[in-house]
C-alpha atoms as a PDB file:
ATOM      1  CA  UNK A   1       0.000   0.000   0.000  1.00  0.00           C
ATOM      2  CA  UNK A   2       1.240   3.436  -0.807  1.00  0.00           C
ATOM      3  CA  UNK A   3       0.437   6.303   1.558  1.00  0.00           C
ATOM      4  CA  UNK A   4       0.462   9.741  -0.067  1.00  0.00           C
ATOM      5  CA  UNK A   5       0.098  13.050   1.692  1.00  0.00           C
ATOM      6  CA  UNK A   6      -2.186  15.750   0.253  1.00  0.00           C
ATOM      7  CA  UNK A   7       0.596  17.247  -1.903  1.00  0.00           C
ATOM      8  CA  UNK A   8       3.427  15.002  -2.892  1.00  0.00           C
ATOM      9  CA  UNK A   9       6.049  14.817  -5.581  1.00  0.00           C
ATOM     10  CA  UNK A  10       5.279  11.902  -7.906  1.00  0.00           C
ATOM     11  CA  UNK A  11       1.511  12.096  -7.565  1.00  0.00           C
ATOM     12  CA  UNK A  12       1.275  13.598 -11.063  1.00  0.00           C
ATOM     13  CA  UNK A  13       3.442  10.803 -12.464  1.00  0.00           C
ATOM     14  CA  UNK A  14       1.430   7.982 -10.861  1.00  0.00           C
ATOM     15  CA  UNK A  15      -2.132   9.290 -10.607  1.00  0.00           C
ATOM     16  CA  UNK A  16      -2.175  12.042 -13.225  1.00  0.00           C
ATOM     17  CA  UNK A  17      -3.164  14.775 -10.752  1.00  0.00           C
ATOM     18  CA  UNK A  18      -1.267  17.346  -8.708  1.00  0.00           C
ATOM     19  CA  UNK A  19      -3.390  17.262  -5.529  1.00  0.00           C
ATOM     20  CA  UNK A  20      -4.658  14.109  -3.820  1.00  0.00           C
ATOM     21  CA  UNK A  21      -8.152  15.587  -3.512  1.00  0.00           C
ATOM     22  CA  UNK A  22      -8.401  15.261  -7.320  1.00  0.00           C
ATOM     23  CA  UNK A  23      -7.995  11.471  -7.203  1.00  0.00           C
ATOM     24  CA  UNK A  24     -11.160   9.415  -7.557  1.00  0.00           C
ATOM     25  CA  UNK A  25     -11.137   7.123  -4.464  1.00  0.00           C
ATOM     26  CA  UNK A  26     -13.029   4.455  -6.411  1.00  0.00           C
ATOM     27  CA  UNK A  27     -10.349   4.331  -9.143  1.00  0.00           C
ATOM     28  CA  UNK A  28      -9.724   0.557  -8.819  1.00  0.00           C
ATOM     29  CA  UNK A  29      -6.737   0.527 -11.214  1.00  0.00           C
ATOM     30  CA  UNK A  30      -3.920   2.896 -12.078  1.00  0.00           C
ATOM     31  CA  UNK A  31      -3.980   4.465 -15.516  1.00  0.00           C
ATOM     32  CA  UNK A  32      -0.769   3.918 -17.471  1.00  0.00           C
ATOM     33  CA  UNK A  33       1.424   7.001 -17.863  1.00  0.00           C
ATOM     34  CA  UNK A  34       4.594   7.134 -19.932  1.00  0.00           C
ATOM     35  CA  UNK A  35       7.116   7.837 -17.167  1.00  0.00           C
ATOM     36  CA  UNK A  36       9.516   5.732 -15.087  1.00  0.00           C
ATOM     37  CA  UNK A  37       7.594   6.034 -11.800  1.00  0.00           C
ATOM     38  CA  UNK A  38       4.267   4.985 -13.293  1.00  0.00           C
ATOM     39  CA  UNK A  39       5.838   2.102 -15.202  1.00  0.00           C
ATOM     40  CA  UNK A  40       7.676   0.861 -12.105  1.00  0.00           C
ATOM     41  CA  UNK A  41       4.655   1.014  -9.782  1.00  0.00           C
ATOM     42  CA  UNK A  42       2.369  -0.599 -12.351  1.00  0.00           C
ATOM     43  CA  UNK A  43       5.025  -3.291 -12.851  1.00  0.00           C
ATOM     44  CA  UNK A  44       5.096  -4.057  -9.125  1.00  0.00           C
ATOM     45  CA  UNK A  45       1.303  -4.236  -8.959  1.00  0.00           C
ATOM     46  CA  UNK A  46       1.141  -6.415 -12.092  1.00  0.00           C
ATOM     47  CA  UNK A  47       3.796  -8.760 -10.691  1.00  0.00           C
ATOM     48  CA  UNK A  48       1.891  -9.188  -7.418  1.00  0.00           C
ATOM     49  CA  UNK A  49      -1.358  -9.796  -9.281  1.00  0.00           C
ATOM     50  CA  UNK A  50       0.292 -12.346 -11.606  1.00  0.00           C
ATOM     51  CA  UNK A  51       1.512 -14.372  -8.615  1.00  0.00           C
ATOM     52  CA  UNK A  52      -1.877 -14.458  -6.906  1.00  0.00           C
ATOM     53  CA  UNK A  53      -5.115 -15.824  -8.245  1.00  0.00           C
ATOM     54  CA  UNK A  54      -7.037 -13.398  -6.077  1.00  0.00           C
ATOM     55  CA  UNK A  55      -5.941  -9.890  -5.215  1.00  0.00           C
ATOM     56  CA  UNK A  56      -7.419  -6.819  -3.637  1.00  0.00           C
ATOM     57  CA  UNK A  57      -8.471  -3.885  -5.747  1.00  0.00           C
ATOM     58  CA  UNK A  58      -6.627  -0.593  -5.486  1.00  0.00           C
ATOM     59  CA  UNK A  59      -8.140   1.720  -2.886  1.00  0.00           C
ATOM     60  CA  UNK A  60      -7.328   5.393  -2.493  1.00  0.00           C
ATOM     61  CA  UNK A  61      -7.758   6.591   1.074  1.00  0.00           C
ATOM     62  CA  UNK A  62      -7.397  10.287   1.741  1.00  0.00           C
ATOM     63  CA  UNK A  63      -6.455  11.773   5.074  1.00  0.00           C
ATOM     64  CA  UNK A  64      -9.521  12.828   7.042  1.00  0.00           C
ATOM     65  CA  UNK A  65     -11.846  10.682   4.861  1.00  0.00           C
ATOM     66  CA  UNK A  66     -14.306   8.394   6.625  1.00  0.00           C
ATOM     67  CA  UNK A  67     -12.382   5.380   5.270  1.00  0.00           C
ATOM     68  CA  UNK A  68      -9.068   6.489   6.823  1.00  0.00           C
ATOM     69  CA  UNK A  69      -9.908   4.972  10.215  1.00  0.00           C
ATOM     70  CA  UNK A  70     -10.604   1.578   8.641  1.00  0.00           C
ATOM     71  CA  UNK A  71      -7.416   1.760   6.576  1.00  0.00           C
ATOM     72  CA  UNK A  72      -5.269   2.662   9.605  1.00  0.00           C
ATOM     73  CA  UNK A  73      -6.405  -0.485  11.424  1.00  0.00           C
ATOM     74  CA  UNK A  74      -4.443  -2.546   8.885  1.00  0.00           C
ATOM     75  CA  UNK A  75      -1.101  -0.888   9.662  1.00  0.00           C
ATOM     76  CA  UNK A  76       1.307  -3.025  11.637  1.00  0.00           C
ATOM     77  CA  UNK A  77       4.286  -1.621  13.473  1.00  0.00           C
ATOM     78  CA  UNK A  78       7.536  -3.277  12.438  1.00  0.00           C
ATOM     79  CA  UNK A  79       9.866  -4.487  15.148  1.00  0.00           C
ATOM     80  CA  UNK A  80      13.619  -4.186  15.159  1.00  0.00           C
ATOM     81  CA  UNK A  81      15.993  -7.155  15.059  1.00  0.00           C
ATOM     82  CA  UNK A  82      15.971  -7.098  18.866  1.00  0.00           C
ATOM     83  CA  UNK A  83      12.177  -7.493  18.880  1.00  0.00           C
ATOM     84  CA  UNK A  84      11.496  -3.920  19.986  1.00  0.00           C
ATOM     85  CA  UNK A  85       8.829  -1.690  18.517  1.00  0.00           C
ATOM     86  CA  UNK A  86       9.630   1.956  17.748  1.00  0.00           C
ATOM     87  CA  UNK A  87       8.603   3.261  21.183  1.00  0.00           C
ATOM     88  CA  UNK A  88      10.700   0.628  22.986  1.00  0.00           C
ATOM     89  CA  UNK A  89      13.625   1.412  20.700  1.00  0.00           C
ATOM     90  CA  UNK A  90      13.441   5.137  21.480  1.00  0.00           C
ATOM     91  CA  UNK A  91      13.241   4.400  25.215  1.00  0.00           C
ATOM     92  CA  UNK A  92      16.314   2.161  25.005  1.00  0.00           C
ATOM     93  CA  UNK A  93      18.260   4.850  23.133  1.00  0.00           C
ATOM     94  CA  UNK A  94      17.174   7.417  25.730  1.00  0.00           C
ATOM     95  CA  UNK A  95      18.396   5.112  28.560  1.00  0.00           C
ATOM     96  CA  UNK A  96      21.738   4.614  26.825  1.00  0.00           C
ATOM     97  CA  UNK A  97      22.209   8.368  26.381  1.00  0.00           C
ATOM     98  CA  UNK A  98      21.333   8.968  30.052  1.00  0.00           C
ATOM     99  CA  UNK A  99      23.837   6.285  31.110  1.00  0.00           C
ATOM    100  CA  UNK A 100      26.569   7.859  28.967  1.00  0.00           C
ATOM    101  CA  UNK A 101      25.875  11.343  30.361  1.00  0.00           C
ATOM    102  CA  UNK A 102      25.809  10.243  34.013  1.00  0.00           C
END
């Protein structure tokens, strides 16, 4: 899934618009554009779809839309190699800095 902010470089190349509010959230598929970014992203999507018999349709979720809350529930926080999430990692760094300074 690709998360775009309201104004972002590359949005024109991939979606054909300059502001995310101009994107139709029911688009379903990306239109092909003759540029490297569009070709690369469409290639990735096509490769995933070729490997799977069933795939999800493309959804565009804008910030502050009613669908944003549902979309955010699918985010998963990655853990580091030590098994820490981001908050635990920051706390461990903070402890190390405090130990060094004391």
